[in-house]
Protein backbone atom coordinates (compact mmCIF):
# COMPACT_ATOMS: atom_id res chain seq x y z
CA TRP A 1 -0.11 -0.08 0.28
CA VAL A 2 2.78 2.44 0.48
CA ILE A 3 4.85 1.79 -3.05
CA THR A 4 2.79 3.03 -5.95
CA SER A 5 4.26 1.72 -8.27
CA GLU A 6 6.78 -1.22 -9.84
CA ALA A 7 9.60 1.60 -10.32
CA GLU A 8 9.40 2.65 -6.83
CA ARG A 9 9.62 -0.85 -5.52
CA GLU A 10 12.53 -1.50 -7.70
CA ALA A 11 14.21 1.32 -6.35
CA VAL A 12 13.45 0.76 -2.56
CA GLU A 13 14.97 -2.63 -3.42
CA ALA A 14 17.83 -1.31 -4.66
CA LEU A 15 18.12 1.18 -1.77
CA ARG A 16 17.85 -1.30 0.88
CA ALA A 17 21.00 -3.17 -1.05
CA ARG A 18 22.92 0.29 -1.41
CA LEU A 19 22.30 0.47 2.15
CA VAL A 20 23.08 -3.10 3.70
CA ASP A 21 26.07 -1.94 5.73
CA VAL A 22 24.15 0.15 8.05
CA ALA A 23 21.13 -2.12 8.36
CA ASP A 24 21.97 -3.65 11.59
CA GLN A 25 22.08 0.15 12.89
CA CYS A 26 18.23 0.78 11.43
CA VAL A 27 15.96 -1.20 12.74
CA TYR A 28 13.73 1.35 15.09
CA ARG A 29 11.20 3.61 13.88
CA PRO A 30 11.62 6.33 12.01
CA LEU A 31 14.51 5.36 10.75
CA ASN A 32 14.54 1.68 9.78
CA MET A 33 14.68 -0.29 6.33
CA SER A 34 11.31 -0.99 5.91
CA ASP A 35 9.56 -0.22 2.84
CA ALA A 36 7.46 2.45 4.17
CA THR A 37 10.35 3.82 5.53
CA LEU A 38 12.89 3.72 2.19
CA VAL A 39 10.31 4.59 -0.11
CA ARG A 40 10.51 8.48 1.53
CA PHE A 41 13.76 8.67 0.69
CA VAL A 42 13.34 7.55 -2.78
CA ARG A 43 10.51 9.98 -3.41
CA ALA A 44 12.67 12.75 -1.97
CA ARG A 45 15.72 13.12 -4.16
CA LYS A 46 15.78 12.52 -8.00
CA SER A 47 18.40 9.46 -7.97
CA LEU A 48 19.21 6.23 -5.90
CA LYS A 49 22.86 7.87 -5.14
CA GLU A 50 21.32 11.02 -3.75
CA SER A 51 18.75 9.20 -1.85
CA GLU A 52 21.23 6.99 -0.18
CA ALA A 53 23.77 10.02 0.91
CA MET A 54 20.48 11.80 2.33
CA PHE A 55 19.13 8.17 4.28
CA ARG A 56 23.09 7.95 5.68
CA GLU A 57 22.88 11.62 6.63
CA ALA A 58 19.64 11.25 8.92
CA LEU A 59 21.11 7.99 10.47
CA LYS A 60 24.13 9.64 11.24
CA PHE A 61 22.41 12.66 13.08
CA ARG A 62 20.38 9.93 14.72
CA LEU A 63 23.32 8.39 16.17
CA GLU A 64 25.08 11.53 17.39
CA ARG A 65 21.78 13.02 18.54
CA ASP A 66 19.95 10.64 19.80
CA PRO A 67 16.92 12.11 19.89
CA ALA A 68 14.83 8.67 20.55
CA ASN A 69 16.03 8.84 23.89
CA ILE A 70 16.37 13.35 24.16
CA ARG A 71 13.09 13.37 26.57
CA ARG A 72 15.09 11.02 29.39
CA THR A 73 18.58 12.24 29.10
CA PHE A 74 18.22 16.23 28.29
CA GLN A 75 17.90 18.98 31.39
CA PRO A 76 16.95 22.48 29.48
CA PRO A 77 18.62 24.94 31.74
CA PRO A 78 15.86 27.16 33.61
CA ILE A 79 16.50 30.02 31.79
CA LEU A 80 14.71 28.55 28.46
CA GLY A 81 11.50 28.06 30.11
CA ARG A 82 11.06 31.87 30.25
CA TYR A 83 11.49 32.20 26.38
CA MET A 84 9.70 28.99 25.40
CA THR A 85 5.87 29.30 25.13
CA GLY A 86 5.27 25.42 24.16
CA GLY A 87 5.64 21.93 25.55
CA TRP A 88 4.79 18.38 25.20
CA GLY A 89 1.55 17.76 24.76
CA GLY A 90 1.72 13.72 25.67
CA PHE A 91 2.08 11.43 21.96
CA ASP A 92 0.22 10.78 18.89
CA LYS A 93 -1.08 7.08 18.26
CA GLU A 94 2.02 5.89 16.86
CA GLY A 95 3.88 7.11 20.23
CA SER A 96 5.77 9.88 18.78
CA LEU A 97 5.81 12.86 20.97
CA ILE A 98 3.57 15.78 20.29
CA PHE A 99 5.15 19.27 20.68
CA ILE A 100 2.27 21.78 21.08
CA ASP A 101 3.73 25.93 20.81
CA ARG A 102 2.10 29.04 20.78
CA ILE A 103 4.09 30.54 18.04
CA GLY A 104 3.16 33.78 18.29
CA GLN A 105 3.97 34.44 21.49
CA LEU A 106 7.63 33.31 21.24
CA ASP A 107 10.00 35.62 22.42
CA VAL A 108 12.65 34.73 19.46
CA PRO A 109 15.26 37.73 20.34
CA GLY A 110 15.25 36.65 23.67
CA LEU A 111 16.00 33.17 23.05
CA ILE A 112 18.54 33.38 20.38
CA ASN A 113 20.41 35.78 23.16
CA ARG A 114 19.95 34.20 26.07
CA VAL A 115 20.02 30.42 25.70
CA ASP A 116 22.49 28.29 23.77
CA GLU A 117 21.81 27.11 20.30
CA GLU A 118 22.74 23.66 21.61
CA ASP A 119 19.67 23.55 23.99
CA VAL A 120 17.07 24.94 21.58
CA VAL A 121 17.93 22.27 18.67
CA LYS A 122 17.69 19.24 21.52
CA LEU A 123 14.89 20.60 22.97
């Protein structure tokens, strides 16, 4: 149901074959070796080479930043609460965290001048 054509199926299989060296690191959603995941990368780029590069960059990011565990490990600095207007609102039906933000109320200049960029990225 995810793949809409035979060409897409062939591209997904070719991408999976090109990523065999990192398959053991890609076992959890949202970056795994399923058809649903790989077809997103195939559709996002014009060539298989670009799709592979994009997937590898996403994997590199996830290995470096560990976003799956950030809610358990990251303690934001107290000043961040003065400038951020949103917060975690729970989980969606697939188990992903939902962040709700009142963007119009966000103090962007205060946030930029007083909070480390890395802390904002982690949040």
